[in-house]
Amino acid sequence: MRILLIASFFVGSATLLAQSAPPKIKETPVVSTSAWSGKEMFTSYCASCHGLTGKGDGPAAPAMVRKPADLTLLARNNGGKYPSSKVIGTLVEANAFGHGSKEMPVWGPILNSMSRDDRAMVELRVKNIADYIETLQAK
């Protein structure tokens, strides 16, 4: 009886550990999108973590150590003013809040490589993503 109880404990523990293992994020290559469409870029590059509505509930979010930011609250958390320059900085700077970690890429170099080092095109892409995120702000 005691051996059966111990065996049950180990089987149960192994089952719990298997169930609590975090989901894995499938990495895929970045696909080039239109630089003119902030929505298309957001959907392709940001929504997997931040969700289509920007609330931090994308399909990859459960696999992350830290929950992705709720981008709909940026203006509310900044005294009612959308922090465009901070969002732009976060997208392109390696040391920006949230980006540059193993889980969250810095998009500046990625967008730069897609735009063949055309600085104006990279700036357009970043501005259009930031402008689209502004449309997601909670009212």
Protein backbone atom coordinates (compact mmCIF):
# COMPACT_ATOMS: atom_id res chain seq x y z
CA MET A 1 0.00 0.00 0.00
CA ARG A 2 2.80 2.40 0.92
CA ILE A 3 4.63 1.75 -2.37
CA LEU A 4 1.41 2.40 -4.29
CA LEU A 5 0.94 5.69 -2.42
CA ILE A 6 4.52 6.79 -3.16
CA ALA A 7 4.17 5.78 -6.82
CA SER A 8 0.92 7.73 -7.06
CA PHE A 9 2.64 10.80 -5.61
CA PHE A 10 5.43 10.68 -8.20
CA VAL A 11 3.04 10.10 -11.11
CA GLY A 12 0.84 12.95 -9.90
CA SER A 13 3.84 15.27 -9.47
CA ALA A 14 5.13 14.44 -12.93
CA THR A 15 1.69 15.13 -14.39
CA LEU A 16 1.49 18.53 -12.63
CA LEU A 17 4.98 19.47 -13.82
CA ALA A 18 4.12 18.51 -17.39
CA GLN A 19 0.93 20.57 -17.24
CA SER A 20 2.63 23.62 -15.74
CA ALA A 21 5.41 23.77 -18.33
CA PRO A 22 5.12 27.11 -20.10
CA PRO A 23 4.01 27.05 -23.72
CA LYS A 24 6.73 27.62 -26.27
CA ILE A 25 6.77 30.54 -28.69
CA LYS A 26 7.16 29.50 -32.30
CA GLU A 27 9.68 31.75 -33.98
CA THR A 28 9.10 32.61 -37.61
CA PRO A 29 11.04 34.84 -39.98
CA VAL A 30 9.91 38.44 -40.28
CA VAL A 31 7.84 39.01 -43.41
CA SER A 32 8.08 42.39 -45.08
CA THR A 33 4.86 44.41 -45.00
CA SER A 34 3.76 47.72 -46.42
CA ALA A 35 5.54 50.64 -44.77
CA TRP A 36 2.39 52.69 -45.36
CA SER A 37 0.10 50.57 -43.19
CA GLY A 38 0.64 50.86 -39.45
CA LYS A 39 -2.18 48.39 -38.89
CA GLU A 40 -0.65 45.78 -41.19
CA MET A 41 2.75 46.13 -39.50
CA PHE A 42 1.21 46.01 -36.02
CA THR A 43 -0.72 42.88 -36.94
CA SER A 44 2.40 41.22 -38.37
CA TYR A 45 5.00 42.32 -35.83
CA CYS A 46 3.25 43.21 -32.56
CA ALA A 47 -0.06 41.36 -32.28
CA SER A 48 1.44 37.95 -31.52
CA CYS A 49 2.38 39.32 -28.09
CA HIS A 50 0.28 42.46 -27.60
CA GLY A 51 -2.88 41.07 -29.24
CA LEU A 52 -4.85 42.50 -32.14
CA THR A 53 -6.39 45.12 -29.87
CA GLY A 54 -3.10 45.92 -28.09
CA LYS A 55 -4.22 44.71 -24.65
CA GLY A 56 -1.24 42.38 -24.13
CA ASP A 57 -3.28 39.26 -24.78
CA GLY A 58 -1.75 37.91 -27.98
CA PRO A 59 -1.35 34.18 -28.58
CA ALA A 60 2.33 34.25 -27.51
CA ALA A 61 1.63 36.16 -24.27
CA PRO A 62 1.08 33.08 -22.05
CA ALA A 63 4.57 31.83 -22.92
CA MET A 64 6.26 35.03 -21.81
CA VAL A 65 7.93 35.53 -18.45
CA ARG A 66 6.55 39.06 -18.21
CA LYS A 67 3.10 39.86 -19.60
CA PRO A 68 3.26 42.13 -22.65
CA ALA A 69 2.23 45.71 -22.00
CA ASP A 70 -1.37 46.78 -22.51
CA LEU A 71 -0.70 49.33 -25.24
CA THR A 72 -4.25 50.72 -24.97
CA LEU A 73 -3.31 52.38 -21.67
CA LEU A 74 -0.28 54.36 -22.83
CA ALA A 75 -2.11 57.70 -23.01
CA ARG A 76 -4.03 57.10 -19.78
CA ASN A 77 -0.78 56.26 -17.98
CA ASN A 78 0.83 59.40 -19.39
CA GLY A 79 -1.62 62.00 -18.09
CA GLY A 80 -4.01 61.56 -21.02
CA LYS A 81 -1.39 62.35 -23.69
CA TYR A 82 -0.19 59.63 -26.05
CA PRO A 83 3.61 59.39 -25.62
CA SER A 84 4.51 59.15 -29.31
CA SER A 85 8.24 59.80 -28.88
CA LYS A 86 8.48 57.18 -26.11
CA VAL A 87 6.69 54.62 -28.30
CA ILE A 88 9.00 55.39 -31.21
CA GLY A 89 12.02 55.10 -28.92
CA THR A 90 10.75 51.79 -27.56
CA LEU A 91 10.44 50.41 -31.07
CA VAL A 92 13.97 51.27 -32.14
CA GLU A 93 16.26 51.49 -29.11
CA ALA A 94 18.00 48.45 -27.68
CA ASN A 95 17.74 49.76 -24.12
CA ALA A 96 14.16 51.01 -24.34
CA PHE A 97 11.65 49.84 -21.74
CA GLY A 98 10.35 46.41 -22.59
CA HIS A 99 12.25 45.88 -25.78
CA GLY A 100 15.62 44.36 -26.32
CA SER A 101 15.01 41.34 -24.12
CA LYS A 102 15.18 37.76 -25.29
CA GLU A 103 11.38 37.75 -25.49
CA MET A 104 10.74 41.13 -27.05
CA PRO A 105 12.76 42.12 -30.09
CA VAL A 106 14.00 45.59 -30.89
CA TRP A 107 12.27 46.34 -34.15
CA GLY A 108 14.58 49.13 -35.33
CA PRO A 109 17.29 46.85 -36.76
CA ILE A 110 14.67 44.46 -38.18
CA LEU A 111 12.78 47.27 -39.91
CA ASN A 112 16.11 48.66 -41.09
CA SER A 113 17.05 45.37 -42.72
CA MET A 114 13.63 45.17 -44.42
CA SER A 115 14.05 48.67 -45.78
CA ARG A 116 17.54 48.02 -47.14
CA ASP A 117 19.08 50.62 -44.85
CA ASP A 118 16.82 53.37 -46.26
CA ARG A 119 16.63 55.59 -43.15
CA ALA A 120 13.57 57.50 -44.39
CA MET A 121 11.68 54.25 -44.99
CA VAL A 122 12.60 52.94 -41.53
CA GLU A 123 11.38 56.19 -39.95
CA LEU A 124 8.15 55.94 -41.95
CA ARG A 125 7.59 52.37 -40.76
CA VAL A 126 8.22 53.27 -37.11
CA LYS A 127 6.03 56.39 -37.29
CA ASN A 128 3.17 54.48 -38.89
CA ILE A 129 3.32 51.73 -36.25
CA ALA A 130 3.37 54.35 -33.49
CA ASP A 131 0.49 56.24 -35.13
CA TYR A 132 -1.53 53.03 -35.34
CA ILE A 133 -0.88 52.24 -31.65
CA GLU A 134 -2.27 55.71 -30.89
CA THR A 135 -5.59 54.65 -32.48
CA LEU A 136 -5.79 51.78 -29.96
CA GLN A 137 -5.85 54.06 -26.93
CA ALA A 138 -8.67 53.53 -24.44
CA LYS A 139 -11.23 56.32 -24.54
